[in-house]
N, C-alpha and C. Protein backbone atom coordinates (compact mmCIF):
# COMPACT_ATOMS: atom_id res chain seq x y z
N MET A 1 -50.90 36.41 -103.96
CA MET A 1 -51.47 37.08 -102.78
C MET A 1 -50.34 37.71 -101.98
N SER A 2 -50.34 39.02 -101.78
CA SER A 2 -49.24 39.70 -101.11
C SER A 2 -49.28 39.45 -99.61
N GLY A 3 -48.14 39.79 -98.95
CA GLY A 3 -48.06 39.60 -97.51
C GLY A 3 -49.09 40.42 -96.77
N ASN A 4 -49.32 41.70 -97.22
CA ASN A 4 -50.29 42.54 -96.54
C ASN A 4 -51.70 41.98 -96.64
N VAL A 5 -52.05 41.47 -97.82
CA VAL A 5 -53.37 40.89 -98.00
C VAL A 5 -53.51 39.64 -97.14
N LEU A 6 -52.46 38.83 -97.07
CA LEU A 6 -52.48 37.64 -96.22
C LEU A 6 -52.70 38.03 -94.77
N PHE A 7 -51.99 39.08 -94.31
CA PHE A 7 -52.12 39.45 -92.90
C PHE A 7 -53.51 40.01 -92.61
N GLU A 8 -54.06 40.74 -93.56
CA GLU A 8 -55.42 41.26 -93.37
C GLU A 8 -56.42 40.13 -93.19
N LYS A 9 -56.19 39.02 -93.90
CA LYS A 9 -57.14 37.90 -93.87
C LYS A 9 -56.85 36.93 -92.73
N TYR A 10 -55.56 36.65 -92.49
CA TYR A 10 -55.20 35.58 -91.54
C TYR A 10 -54.37 36.07 -90.35
N GLY A 11 -54.05 37.36 -90.30
CA GLY A 11 -53.09 37.85 -89.32
C GLY A 11 -53.58 37.94 -87.90
N GLN A 12 -52.64 37.75 -86.96
CA GLN A 12 -52.87 37.96 -85.53
C GLN A 12 -51.65 38.66 -84.96
N THR A 13 -51.87 39.60 -84.05
CA THR A 13 -50.78 40.25 -83.33
C THR A 13 -50.90 39.85 -81.87
N ILE A 14 -49.83 39.26 -81.33
CA ILE A 14 -49.88 38.73 -79.97
C ILE A 14 -48.74 39.33 -79.16
N ALA A 15 -49.05 39.81 -77.97
CA ALA A 15 -48.06 40.45 -77.10
C ALA A 15 -47.04 39.44 -76.58
N ALA A 16 -45.93 39.95 -76.08
CA ALA A 16 -44.88 39.08 -75.54
C ALA A 16 -45.37 38.34 -74.31
N GLY A 17 -44.91 37.11 -74.16
CA GLY A 17 -45.22 36.32 -72.97
C GLY A 17 -46.59 35.69 -72.95
N LYS A 18 -47.26 35.68 -74.09
CA LYS A 18 -48.59 35.08 -74.16
C LYS A 18 -48.54 33.68 -74.75
N GLN A 19 -49.34 32.77 -74.17
CA GLN A 19 -49.45 31.42 -74.74
C GLN A 19 -50.36 31.44 -75.95
N ILE A 20 -49.88 30.86 -77.04
CA ILE A 20 -50.69 30.75 -78.25
C ILE A 20 -51.53 29.48 -78.16
N PHE A 21 -50.92 28.41 -77.68
CA PHE A 21 -51.65 27.20 -77.34
C PHE A 21 -50.84 26.40 -76.33
N ARG A 22 -51.53 25.47 -75.66
CA ARG A 22 -50.90 24.69 -74.59
C ARG A 22 -50.88 23.20 -74.96
N GLU A 23 -49.83 22.54 -74.53
CA GLU A 23 -49.69 21.09 -74.73
C GLU A 23 -50.93 20.36 -74.22
N GLY A 24 -51.46 19.44 -75.05
CA GLY A 24 -52.62 18.65 -74.67
C GLY A 24 -53.94 19.20 -75.14
N GLU A 25 -53.95 20.45 -75.58
CA GLU A 25 -55.20 21.05 -76.07
C GLU A 25 -55.54 20.53 -77.46
N ASP A 26 -56.83 20.60 -77.80
CA ASP A 26 -57.22 20.38 -79.19
C ASP A 26 -56.74 21.58 -80.01
N GLY A 27 -56.43 21.33 -81.26
CA GLY A 27 -55.97 22.42 -82.11
C GLY A 27 -56.55 22.32 -83.50
N ASP A 28 -56.78 23.47 -84.12
CA ASP A 28 -57.28 23.44 -85.49
C ASP A 28 -56.57 24.46 -86.38
N LYS A 29 -55.47 25.03 -85.89
CA LYS A 29 -54.74 26.02 -86.67
C LYS A 29 -53.23 25.79 -86.62
N MET A 30 -52.56 26.14 -87.71
CA MET A 30 -51.11 26.25 -87.73
C MET A 30 -50.74 27.71 -87.90
N TYR A 31 -49.48 28.05 -87.59
CA TYR A 31 -49.06 29.45 -87.58
C TYR A 31 -47.75 29.63 -88.34
N ILE A 32 -47.66 30.74 -89.05
CA ILE A 32 -46.41 31.15 -89.70
C ILE A 32 -46.02 32.50 -89.12
N ILE A 33 -44.77 32.62 -88.67
CA ILE A 33 -44.31 33.84 -88.02
C ILE A 33 -43.92 34.88 -89.08
N GLN A 34 -44.56 36.05 -89.01
CA GLN A 34 -44.21 37.17 -89.89
C GLN A 34 -43.14 38.04 -89.25
N ASP A 35 -43.27 38.29 -87.96
CA ASP A 35 -42.29 39.04 -87.17
C ASP A 35 -42.38 38.55 -85.74
N GLY A 36 -41.27 38.70 -84.99
CA GLY A 36 -41.27 38.31 -83.60
C GLY A 36 -40.64 36.94 -83.38
N ALA A 37 -40.86 36.40 -82.20
CA ALA A 37 -40.26 35.11 -81.85
C ALA A 37 -41.19 34.32 -80.95
N VAL A 38 -41.14 32.99 -81.10
CA VAL A 38 -42.03 32.09 -80.36
C VAL A 38 -41.20 30.94 -79.79
N ARG A 39 -41.46 30.61 -78.53
CA ARG A 39 -40.79 29.49 -77.87
C ARG A 39 -41.71 28.28 -77.90
N ILE A 40 -41.17 27.13 -78.30
CA ILE A 40 -41.91 25.86 -78.28
C ILE A 40 -41.33 25.01 -77.15
N SER A 41 -42.19 24.55 -76.25
CA SER A 41 -41.71 23.82 -75.08
C SER A 41 -42.64 22.65 -74.75
N ARG A 42 -42.10 21.70 -73.98
CA ARG A 42 -42.88 20.58 -73.47
C ARG A 42 -42.59 20.42 -71.99
N THR A 43 -43.58 19.89 -71.27
CA THR A 43 -43.40 19.60 -69.86
C THR A 43 -43.04 18.12 -69.69
N ILE A 44 -41.88 17.88 -69.13
CA ILE A 44 -41.40 16.51 -68.90
C ILE A 44 -41.03 16.38 -67.43
N ASP A 45 -41.65 15.42 -66.75
CA ASP A 45 -41.43 15.22 -65.31
C ASP A 45 -41.64 16.51 -64.53
N GLY A 46 -42.67 17.27 -64.93
CA GLY A 46 -43.02 18.48 -64.19
C GLY A 46 -42.19 19.70 -64.51
N LYS A 47 -41.21 19.57 -65.40
CA LYS A 47 -40.34 20.70 -65.75
C LYS A 47 -40.51 21.07 -67.22
N GLU A 48 -40.44 22.37 -67.49
CA GLU A 48 -40.56 22.84 -68.87
C GLU A 48 -39.22 22.67 -69.59
N HIS A 49 -39.27 22.07 -70.76
CA HIS A 49 -38.08 21.90 -71.59
C HIS A 49 -38.31 22.63 -72.91
N VAL A 50 -37.40 23.54 -73.25
CA VAL A 50 -37.52 24.29 -74.49
C VAL A 50 -37.05 23.42 -75.66
N LEU A 51 -37.93 23.24 -76.63
CA LEU A 51 -37.61 22.44 -77.81
C LEU A 51 -37.03 23.29 -78.93
N ALA A 52 -37.53 24.52 -79.06
CA ALA A 52 -37.07 25.39 -80.14
C ALA A 52 -37.50 26.82 -79.88
N GLU A 53 -36.74 27.76 -80.44
CA GLU A 53 -37.13 29.15 -80.47
C GLU A 53 -37.21 29.56 -81.94
N LEU A 54 -38.39 29.95 -82.37
CA LEU A 54 -38.67 30.18 -83.78
C LEU A 54 -38.79 31.68 -84.07
N THR A 55 -38.40 32.07 -85.29
CA THR A 55 -38.45 33.48 -85.68
C THR A 55 -39.08 33.62 -87.06
N LYS A 56 -38.95 34.77 -87.65
CA LYS A 56 -39.59 35.11 -88.92
C LYS A 56 -39.39 34.03 -89.98
N GLY A 57 -40.48 33.61 -90.59
CA GLY A 57 -40.43 32.60 -91.64
C GLY A 57 -40.65 31.19 -91.14
N ASP A 58 -40.49 30.97 -89.82
CA ASP A 58 -40.72 29.64 -89.25
C ASP A 58 -42.23 29.42 -89.07
N PHE A 59 -42.62 28.16 -88.97
CA PHE A 59 -44.02 27.84 -88.71
C PHE A 59 -44.11 26.77 -87.65
N PHE A 60 -45.28 26.63 -87.05
CA PHE A 60 -45.47 25.65 -85.98
C PHE A 60 -46.95 25.32 -85.88
N GLY A 61 -47.24 24.21 -85.19
CA GLY A 61 -48.63 23.79 -84.99
C GLY A 61 -49.24 23.09 -86.19
N GLU A 62 -48.39 22.71 -87.16
CA GLU A 62 -48.93 22.16 -88.41
C GLU A 62 -49.61 20.81 -88.23
N MET A 63 -49.24 20.04 -87.19
CA MET A 63 -49.85 18.72 -87.01
C MET A 63 -51.34 18.83 -86.73
N ALA A 64 -51.78 19.97 -86.22
CA ALA A 64 -53.21 20.14 -85.92
C ALA A 64 -54.05 20.11 -87.19
N ILE A 65 -53.49 20.57 -88.30
CA ILE A 65 -54.27 20.56 -89.54
C ILE A 65 -53.89 19.40 -90.45
N VAL A 66 -52.75 18.77 -90.17
CA VAL A 66 -52.35 17.61 -90.97
C VAL A 66 -53.02 16.35 -90.46
N SER A 67 -52.92 16.10 -89.15
CA SER A 67 -53.47 14.86 -88.59
C SER A 67 -54.50 15.08 -87.50
N ARG A 68 -54.75 16.35 -87.14
CA ARG A 68 -55.77 16.71 -86.15
C ARG A 68 -55.52 16.06 -84.78
N ILE A 69 -54.24 15.88 -84.42
CA ILE A 69 -53.93 15.36 -83.08
C ILE A 69 -53.90 16.52 -82.08
N LYS A 70 -53.93 16.18 -80.79
CA LYS A 70 -53.85 17.22 -79.76
C LYS A 70 -52.46 17.86 -79.80
N ARG A 71 -52.37 19.07 -79.30
CA ARG A 71 -51.09 19.78 -79.29
C ARG A 71 -50.05 18.97 -78.50
N THR A 72 -48.90 18.78 -79.09
CA THR A 72 -47.84 18.01 -78.45
C THR A 72 -46.84 18.90 -77.72
N ALA A 73 -47.03 20.21 -77.79
CA ALA A 73 -46.13 21.15 -77.12
C ALA A 73 -46.89 22.44 -76.85
N THR A 74 -46.25 23.32 -76.09
CA THR A 74 -46.81 24.64 -75.78
C THR A 74 -46.07 25.70 -76.58
N ALA A 75 -46.80 26.65 -77.15
CA ALA A 75 -46.20 27.75 -77.91
C ALA A 75 -46.45 29.05 -77.17
N THR A 76 -45.35 29.80 -76.90
CA THR A 76 -45.43 31.05 -76.14
C THR A 76 -44.63 32.12 -76.86
N THR A 77 -45.18 33.32 -76.97
CA THR A 77 -44.42 34.40 -77.60
C THR A 77 -43.29 34.86 -76.69
N ILE A 78 -42.10 35.03 -77.28
CA ILE A 78 -40.95 35.55 -76.53
C ILE A 78 -40.95 37.08 -76.59
N GLU A 79 -41.39 37.59 -77.71
CA GLU A 79 -41.51 39.03 -77.94
C GLU A 79 -42.79 39.24 -78.75
N PRO A 80 -43.26 40.48 -78.88
CA PRO A 80 -44.48 40.69 -79.67
C PRO A 80 -44.34 40.04 -81.05
N ALA A 81 -45.40 39.35 -81.47
CA ALA A 81 -45.32 38.58 -82.70
C ALA A 81 -46.50 38.85 -83.63
N HIS A 82 -46.19 38.91 -84.91
CA HIS A 82 -47.21 38.97 -85.95
C HIS A 82 -47.25 37.60 -86.61
N LEU A 83 -48.39 36.96 -86.54
CA LEU A 83 -48.52 35.59 -87.03
C LEU A 83 -49.61 35.51 -88.08
N LEU A 84 -49.43 34.55 -89.00
CA LEU A 84 -50.51 34.14 -89.88
C LEU A 84 -51.08 32.85 -89.31
N ALA A 85 -52.38 32.80 -89.08
CA ALA A 85 -53.03 31.63 -88.48
C ALA A 85 -53.97 31.00 -89.50
N PHE A 86 -53.72 29.73 -89.82
CA PHE A 86 -54.52 29.06 -90.85
C PHE A 86 -55.20 27.81 -90.29
N ASP A 87 -56.48 27.65 -90.56
CA ASP A 87 -57.09 26.35 -90.37
C ASP A 87 -56.82 25.53 -91.64
N ARG A 88 -57.32 24.32 -91.69
CA ARG A 88 -56.99 23.44 -92.83
C ARG A 88 -57.43 24.05 -94.17
N ALA A 89 -58.67 24.55 -94.20
CA ALA A 89 -59.19 25.12 -95.44
C ALA A 89 -58.42 26.38 -95.82
N GLY A 90 -58.12 27.22 -94.83
CA GLY A 90 -57.38 28.45 -95.09
C GLY A 90 -55.99 28.19 -95.61
N PHE A 91 -55.32 27.17 -95.04
CA PHE A 91 -53.98 26.83 -95.49
C PHE A 91 -53.99 26.33 -96.93
N GLN A 92 -54.95 25.47 -97.25
CA GLN A 92 -55.05 24.97 -98.62
C GLN A 92 -55.29 26.12 -99.59
N SER A 93 -56.15 27.06 -99.22
CA SER A 93 -56.42 28.20 -100.07
C SER A 93 -55.18 29.07 -100.25
N MET A 94 -54.45 29.28 -99.16
CA MET A 94 -53.26 30.13 -99.21
C MET A 94 -52.17 29.54 -100.11
N ILE A 95 -51.89 28.24 -99.96
CA ILE A 95 -50.81 27.67 -100.75
C ILE A 95 -51.18 27.55 -102.22
N GLU A 96 -52.45 27.46 -102.52
CA GLU A 96 -52.87 27.45 -103.92
C GLU A 96 -52.57 28.78 -104.60
N LYS A 97 -52.55 29.86 -103.81
CA LYS A 97 -52.36 31.20 -104.37
C LYS A 97 -50.96 31.75 -104.14
N ASN A 98 -50.15 31.07 -103.35
CA ASN A 98 -48.82 31.59 -103.02
C ASN A 98 -47.80 30.47 -103.05
N ALA A 99 -47.23 30.23 -104.22
CA ALA A 99 -46.30 29.12 -104.41
C ALA A 99 -45.04 29.29 -103.57
N ARG A 100 -44.58 30.54 -103.36
CA ARG A 100 -43.35 30.76 -102.60
C ARG A 100 -43.49 30.27 -101.17
N ILE A 101 -44.60 30.63 -100.52
CA ILE A 101 -44.83 30.18 -99.14
C ILE A 101 -45.01 28.67 -99.10
N ALA A 102 -45.73 28.12 -100.09
CA ALA A 102 -45.93 26.67 -100.14
C ALA A 102 -44.60 25.94 -100.22
N MET A 103 -43.68 26.41 -101.07
CA MET A 103 -42.37 25.76 -101.21
C MET A 103 -41.55 25.91 -99.94
N ASN A 104 -41.67 27.06 -99.26
CA ASN A 104 -40.94 27.26 -98.01
C ASN A 104 -41.42 26.28 -96.95
N VAL A 105 -42.73 26.08 -96.87
CA VAL A 105 -43.29 25.13 -95.90
C VAL A 105 -42.82 23.71 -96.23
N ILE A 106 -42.88 23.34 -97.50
CA ILE A 106 -42.45 22.00 -97.92
C ILE A 106 -40.97 21.78 -97.60
N ASP A 107 -40.14 22.80 -97.89
CA ASP A 107 -38.70 22.70 -97.62
C ASP A 107 -38.44 22.48 -96.13
N LYS A 108 -39.12 23.25 -95.28
CA LYS A 108 -38.90 23.12 -93.84
C LYS A 108 -39.42 21.77 -93.31
N LEU A 109 -40.55 21.30 -93.87
CA LEU A 109 -41.06 19.99 -93.46
C LEU A 109 -40.08 18.89 -93.83
N CYS A 110 -39.49 18.99 -95.02
CA CYS A 110 -38.50 17.99 -95.45
C CYS A 110 -37.29 17.99 -94.51
N ARG A 111 -36.85 19.18 -94.12
CA ARG A 111 -35.71 19.27 -93.19
C ARG A 111 -36.06 18.64 -91.84
N ARG A 112 -37.28 18.89 -91.38
CA ARG A 112 -37.69 18.30 -90.11
C ARG A 112 -37.72 16.78 -90.21
N LEU A 113 -38.21 16.26 -91.32
CA LEU A 113 -38.24 14.81 -91.51
C LEU A 113 -36.83 14.23 -91.55
N GLU A 114 -35.91 14.94 -92.21
CA GLU A 114 -34.52 14.49 -92.25
C GLU A 114 -33.92 14.44 -90.85
N ASN A 115 -34.18 15.48 -90.05
CA ASN A 115 -33.66 15.51 -88.69
C ASN A 115 -34.27 14.40 -87.84
N ALA A 116 -35.59 14.19 -87.99
CA ALA A 116 -36.25 13.13 -87.23
C ALA A 116 -35.69 11.77 -87.62
N ASN A 117 -35.46 11.56 -88.92
CA ASN A 117 -34.91 10.29 -89.38
C ASN A 117 -33.51 10.06 -88.82
N SER A 118 -32.71 11.12 -88.77
CA SER A 118 -31.36 11.00 -88.21
C SER A 118 -31.41 10.61 -86.74
N GLN A 119 -32.36 11.21 -86.00
CA GLN A 119 -32.50 10.89 -84.58
C GLN A 119 -32.96 9.44 -84.39
N ILE A 120 -33.89 9.02 -85.25
CA ILE A 120 -34.38 7.64 -85.17
C ILE A 120 -33.25 6.65 -85.45
N GLN A 121 -32.45 6.94 -86.47
CA GLN A 121 -31.36 6.04 -86.82
C GLN A 121 -30.31 5.99 -85.71
N SER A 122 -30.08 7.13 -85.06
CA SER A 122 -29.15 7.16 -83.94
C SER A 122 -29.66 6.29 -82.80
N LEU A 123 -30.95 6.38 -82.53
CA LEU A 123 -31.58 5.55 -81.49
C LEU A 123 -31.49 4.08 -81.86
N VAL A 124 -31.75 3.78 -83.13
CA VAL A 124 -31.70 2.39 -83.58
C VAL A 124 -30.31 1.81 -83.39
N ARG A 125 -29.29 2.57 -83.76
CA ARG A 125 -27.92 2.07 -83.63
C ARG A 125 -27.55 1.83 -82.18
N LYS A 126 -28.07 2.69 -81.27
CA LYS A 126 -27.74 2.54 -79.86
C LYS A 126 -28.37 1.29 -79.26
N ASN A 127 -29.57 0.95 -79.71
CA ASN A 127 -30.27 -0.15 -79.06
C ASN A 127 -31.16 -0.88 -80.06
N GLU A 128 -30.52 -1.59 -80.98
CA GLU A 128 -31.27 -2.26 -82.04
C GLU A 128 -32.28 -3.27 -81.49
N GLN A 129 -31.87 -4.06 -80.51
CA GLN A 129 -32.74 -5.11 -79.97
C GLN A 129 -34.04 -4.53 -79.43
N SER A 130 -33.94 -3.42 -78.68
CA SER A 130 -35.13 -2.82 -78.08
C SER A 130 -36.03 -2.19 -79.12
N VAL A 131 -35.43 -1.54 -80.12
CA VAL A 131 -36.24 -0.90 -81.16
C VAL A 131 -36.96 -1.95 -81.99
N ILE A 132 -36.29 -3.06 -82.26
CA ILE A 132 -36.93 -4.16 -82.99
C ILE A 132 -38.06 -4.74 -82.15
N ALA A 133 -37.83 -4.90 -80.84
CA ALA A 133 -38.87 -5.41 -79.94
C ALA A 133 -40.06 -4.47 -79.91
N LEU A 134 -39.81 -3.15 -79.89
CA LEU A 134 -40.89 -2.17 -79.89
C LEU A 134 -41.71 -2.27 -81.17
N ASN A 135 -41.03 -2.43 -82.30
CA ASN A 135 -41.72 -2.57 -83.58
C ASN A 135 -42.58 -3.83 -83.59
N LEU A 136 -42.04 -4.92 -83.09
CA LEU A 136 -42.80 -6.17 -83.00
C LEU A 136 -44.01 -6.02 -82.08
N TYR A 137 -43.79 -5.38 -80.93
CA TYR A 137 -44.88 -5.18 -79.97
C TYR A 137 -46.04 -4.44 -80.63
N ASN A 138 -45.73 -3.37 -81.35
CA ASN A 138 -46.78 -2.60 -82.02
C ASN A 138 -47.52 -3.44 -83.05
N ARG A 139 -46.78 -4.28 -83.76
CA ARG A 139 -47.41 -5.14 -84.77
C ARG A 139 -48.35 -6.16 -84.11
N PHE A 140 -47.92 -6.73 -82.99
CA PHE A 140 -48.77 -7.70 -82.29
C PHE A 140 -50.02 -7.01 -81.74
N MET A 141 -49.85 -5.79 -81.20
CA MET A 141 -50.97 -5.10 -80.57
C MET A 141 -52.02 -4.64 -81.59
N GLU A 142 -51.63 -4.57 -82.85
CA GLU A 142 -52.60 -4.23 -83.90
C GLU A 142 -53.55 -5.39 -84.19
N LYS A 143 -53.18 -6.60 -83.74
CA LYS A 143 -54.00 -7.79 -83.98
C LYS A 143 -54.99 -8.00 -82.83
N PRO A 144 -56.15 -8.60 -83.10
CA PRO A 144 -57.05 -9.00 -82.01
C PRO A 144 -56.31 -9.95 -81.07
N GLU A 145 -56.68 -9.93 -79.79
CA GLU A 145 -55.93 -10.68 -78.78
C GLU A 145 -55.82 -12.16 -79.10
N ASN A 146 -56.86 -12.73 -79.72
CA ASN A 146 -56.83 -14.17 -80.01
C ASN A 146 -56.23 -14.48 -81.39
N GLU A 147 -55.70 -13.45 -82.05
CA GLU A 147 -55.12 -13.66 -83.37
C GLU A 147 -53.72 -13.05 -83.48
N ARG A 148 -52.97 -13.05 -82.38
CA ARG A 148 -51.68 -12.38 -82.38
C ARG A 148 -50.58 -13.28 -82.93
N ALA A 149 -50.62 -13.43 -84.24
CA ALA A 149 -49.60 -14.18 -84.97
C ALA A 149 -49.16 -13.37 -86.16
N LEU A 150 -47.86 -13.40 -86.45
CA LEU A 150 -47.30 -12.68 -87.59
C LEU A 150 -46.56 -13.65 -88.49
N ALA A 151 -46.48 -13.31 -89.76
CA ALA A 151 -45.67 -14.09 -90.69
C ALA A 151 -44.20 -13.72 -90.45
N PHE A 152 -43.39 -14.71 -90.09
CA PHE A 152 -42.00 -14.45 -89.71
C PHE A 152 -41.23 -13.76 -90.83
N ASP A 153 -41.26 -14.33 -92.04
CA ASP A 153 -40.44 -13.79 -93.12
C ASP A 153 -40.87 -12.38 -93.50
N ARG A 154 -42.17 -12.15 -93.60
CA ARG A 154 -42.65 -10.82 -93.99
C ARG A 154 -42.35 -9.79 -92.90
N SER A 155 -42.55 -10.17 -91.64
CA SER A 155 -42.31 -9.24 -90.53
C SER A 155 -40.85 -8.83 -90.47
N VAL A 156 -39.95 -9.79 -90.59
CA VAL A 156 -38.52 -9.50 -90.55
C VAL A 156 -38.14 -8.55 -91.69
N LYS A 157 -38.66 -8.82 -92.86
CA LYS A 157 -38.35 -7.99 -94.03
C LYS A 157 -38.88 -6.57 -93.85
N GLU A 158 -40.13 -6.45 -93.37
CA GLU A 158 -40.74 -5.13 -93.20
C GLU A 158 -40.04 -4.32 -92.11
N ILE A 159 -39.65 -4.97 -91.02
CA ILE A 159 -38.93 -4.28 -89.95
C ILE A 159 -37.56 -3.82 -90.45
N SER A 160 -36.89 -4.67 -91.20
CA SER A 160 -35.59 -4.32 -91.78
C SER A 160 -35.69 -3.08 -92.65
N MET A 161 -36.71 -3.04 -93.49
CA MET A 161 -36.90 -1.89 -94.39
C MET A 161 -37.30 -0.65 -93.61
N SER A 162 -38.20 -0.81 -92.64
CA SER A 162 -38.70 0.33 -91.88
C SER A 162 -37.61 0.98 -91.04
N LEU A 163 -36.80 0.17 -90.37
CA LEU A 163 -35.77 0.69 -89.47
C LEU A 163 -34.41 0.83 -90.11
N GLN A 164 -34.29 0.39 -91.38
CA GLN A 164 -33.01 0.42 -92.10
C GLN A 164 -31.93 -0.33 -91.34
N ILE A 165 -32.30 -1.52 -90.88
CA ILE A 165 -31.38 -2.42 -90.20
C ILE A 165 -31.20 -3.64 -91.12
N PRO A 166 -29.98 -4.17 -91.22
CA PRO A 166 -29.76 -5.34 -92.08
C PRO A 166 -30.71 -6.49 -91.74
N LEU A 167 -31.15 -7.20 -92.76
CA LEU A 167 -32.12 -8.27 -92.59
C LEU A 167 -31.65 -9.32 -91.60
N ASP A 168 -30.38 -9.71 -91.70
CA ASP A 168 -29.88 -10.77 -90.82
C ASP A 168 -29.82 -10.31 -89.36
N THR A 169 -29.63 -8.99 -89.14
CA THR A 169 -29.61 -8.45 -87.78
C THR A 169 -31.00 -8.54 -87.16
N VAL A 170 -32.02 -8.19 -87.95
CA VAL A 170 -33.41 -8.28 -87.47
C VAL A 170 -33.77 -9.72 -87.18
N GLU A 171 -33.42 -10.62 -88.09
CA GLU A 171 -33.74 -12.04 -87.90
C GLU A 171 -33.07 -12.59 -86.64
N SER A 172 -31.81 -12.21 -86.42
CA SER A 172 -31.10 -12.68 -85.22
C SER A 172 -31.76 -12.15 -83.95
N ALA A 173 -32.21 -10.89 -83.99
CA ALA A 173 -32.85 -10.30 -82.82
C ALA A 173 -34.17 -11.00 -82.51
N VAL A 174 -34.93 -11.31 -83.54
CA VAL A 174 -36.21 -11.99 -83.34
C VAL A 174 -35.99 -13.40 -82.79
N ARG A 175 -35.01 -14.09 -83.33
CA ARG A 175 -34.72 -15.45 -82.84
C ARG A 175 -34.21 -15.42 -81.40
N ALA A 176 -33.47 -14.36 -81.04
CA ALA A 176 -33.01 -14.22 -79.65
C ALA A 176 -34.20 -14.03 -78.70
N LEU A 177 -35.19 -13.28 -79.14
CA LEU A 177 -36.41 -13.11 -78.34
C LEU A 177 -37.15 -14.44 -78.19
N ALA A 178 -37.09 -15.26 -79.23
CA ALA A 178 -37.72 -16.58 -79.17
C ALA A 178 -36.97 -17.49 -78.20
N GLU A 179 -35.64 -17.41 -78.23
CA GLU A 179 -34.82 -18.23 -77.32
C GLU A 179 -35.06 -17.85 -75.87
N ASP A 180 -35.41 -16.58 -75.64
CA ASP A 180 -35.70 -16.12 -74.28
C ASP A 180 -37.12 -16.44 -73.84
N GLY A 181 -37.89 -17.09 -74.72
CA GLY A 181 -39.25 -17.47 -74.38
C GLY A 181 -40.26 -16.36 -74.53
N ILE A 182 -39.85 -15.25 -75.13
CA ILE A 182 -40.76 -14.11 -75.30
C ILE A 182 -41.64 -14.32 -76.53
N LEU A 183 -41.08 -14.92 -77.55
CA LEU A 183 -41.80 -15.24 -78.78
C LEU A 183 -41.68 -16.73 -79.06
N SER A 184 -42.49 -17.21 -79.96
CA SER A 184 -42.31 -18.56 -80.48
C SER A 184 -42.29 -18.48 -81.99
N VAL A 185 -41.42 -19.29 -82.59
CA VAL A 185 -41.33 -19.37 -84.04
C VAL A 185 -41.55 -20.81 -84.45
N LYS A 186 -42.61 -21.04 -85.19
CA LYS A 186 -42.92 -22.38 -85.67
C LYS A 186 -43.31 -22.29 -87.13
N SER A 187 -42.58 -23.01 -87.97
CA SER A 187 -42.72 -22.88 -89.42
C SER A 187 -42.50 -21.40 -89.74
N ASN A 188 -43.50 -20.74 -90.29
CA ASN A 188 -43.34 -19.31 -90.61
C ASN A 188 -44.21 -18.44 -89.70
N ALA A 189 -44.72 -19.03 -88.61
CA ALA A 189 -45.60 -18.29 -87.71
C ALA A 189 -44.84 -17.76 -86.51
N LEU A 190 -44.97 -16.46 -86.28
CA LEU A 190 -44.34 -15.80 -85.15
C LEU A 190 -45.43 -15.41 -84.17
N ARG A 191 -45.35 -15.95 -82.94
CA ARG A 191 -46.40 -15.69 -81.95
C ARG A 191 -45.82 -15.09 -80.67
N LEU A 192 -46.66 -14.31 -80.00
CA LEU A 192 -46.27 -13.66 -78.75
C LEU A 192 -46.57 -14.59 -77.59
N ARG A 193 -45.56 -14.94 -76.81
CA ARG A 193 -45.73 -15.82 -75.66
C ARG A 193 -45.75 -15.06 -74.35
N ASN A 194 -44.96 -13.99 -74.25
CA ASN A 194 -44.85 -13.26 -72.99
C ASN A 194 -44.90 -11.75 -73.26
N GLU A 195 -46.11 -11.19 -73.18
CA GLU A 195 -46.29 -9.77 -73.49
C GLU A 195 -45.53 -8.88 -72.53
N ASN A 196 -45.51 -9.22 -71.24
CA ASN A 196 -44.83 -8.38 -70.26
C ASN A 196 -43.33 -8.30 -70.54
N ARG A 197 -42.73 -9.44 -70.87
CA ARG A 197 -41.29 -9.45 -71.16
C ARG A 197 -40.98 -8.66 -72.42
N LEU A 198 -41.83 -8.80 -73.44
CA LEU A 198 -41.60 -8.04 -74.68
C LEU A 198 -41.71 -6.54 -74.39
N THR A 199 -42.66 -6.16 -73.54
CA THR A 199 -42.82 -4.76 -73.17
C THR A 199 -41.58 -4.25 -72.47
N GLU A 200 -41.01 -5.06 -71.58
CA GLU A 200 -39.80 -4.65 -70.85
C GLU A 200 -38.64 -4.39 -71.80
N VAL A 201 -38.46 -5.27 -72.77
CA VAL A 201 -37.39 -5.08 -73.75
C VAL A 201 -37.66 -3.86 -74.60
N ALA A 202 -38.90 -3.68 -75.04
CA ALA A 202 -39.27 -2.57 -75.91
C ALA A 202 -39.11 -1.22 -75.21
N GLU A 203 -39.39 -1.18 -73.90
CA GLU A 203 -39.32 0.09 -73.18
C GLU A 203 -37.93 0.68 -73.15
N LYS A 204 -36.92 -0.14 -73.32
CA LYS A 204 -35.54 0.37 -73.34
C LYS A 204 -35.28 1.24 -74.56
N ALA A 205 -36.12 1.09 -75.59
CA ALA A 205 -35.98 1.92 -76.79
C ALA A 205 -36.32 3.37 -76.48
N GLY A 206 -37.11 3.57 -75.44
CA GLY A 206 -37.47 4.93 -75.07
C GLY A 206 -36.61 5.49 -73.96
N GLY A 207 -35.53 4.76 -73.63
CA GLY A 207 -34.62 5.24 -72.60
C GLY A 207 -34.94 4.71 -71.22
N GLY A 208 -35.89 3.74 -71.12
CA GLY A 208 -36.22 3.19 -69.82
C GLY A 208 -35.13 2.27 -69.32
N ALA A 209 -35.20 1.93 -68.03
CA ALA A 209 -34.18 1.07 -67.47
C ALA A 209 -34.44 -0.38 -67.82
């Protein structure tokens, strides 16, 4: 399928300075830039922060068709832009007929995952205790309130593998939380004793005080 045919079917032309979508909105389309430039931004503490400026060949908004979550950022044209807009069915149809575009999307997604993993590992190294506490908190919260118990050995192993932290480091961190009265460890059962304290430790993983 040629570029002209793709644009005839999926193309949009948007003037400079126009919002394509806004953070928090429902979304059902992703976009590939044919020409022009698009700014991706988020509002943090009432201020706009630019996350990226994208140009020809870049794509954005893909989470709307992958996981159908609300928009996590705002997309605004910096200059007049020609975009290909795909809903889930349209994207599947397009990649079935255009292997080059499909490989380009896969390549860019892999690069994004690599960058995200690097950022996660940097965060983990800066504050292992808090990231481990956050992981534990999420695991406990997945359980019904009256069944918040985890298998100590399995949890330590899974957290070690997930965060790429040495097993003995994770085990030491969990036992330190137990010594502080936040958790209890009895036989192989790991239980939550103080949810508020665990939350306080976990919040430091996100940069909290």
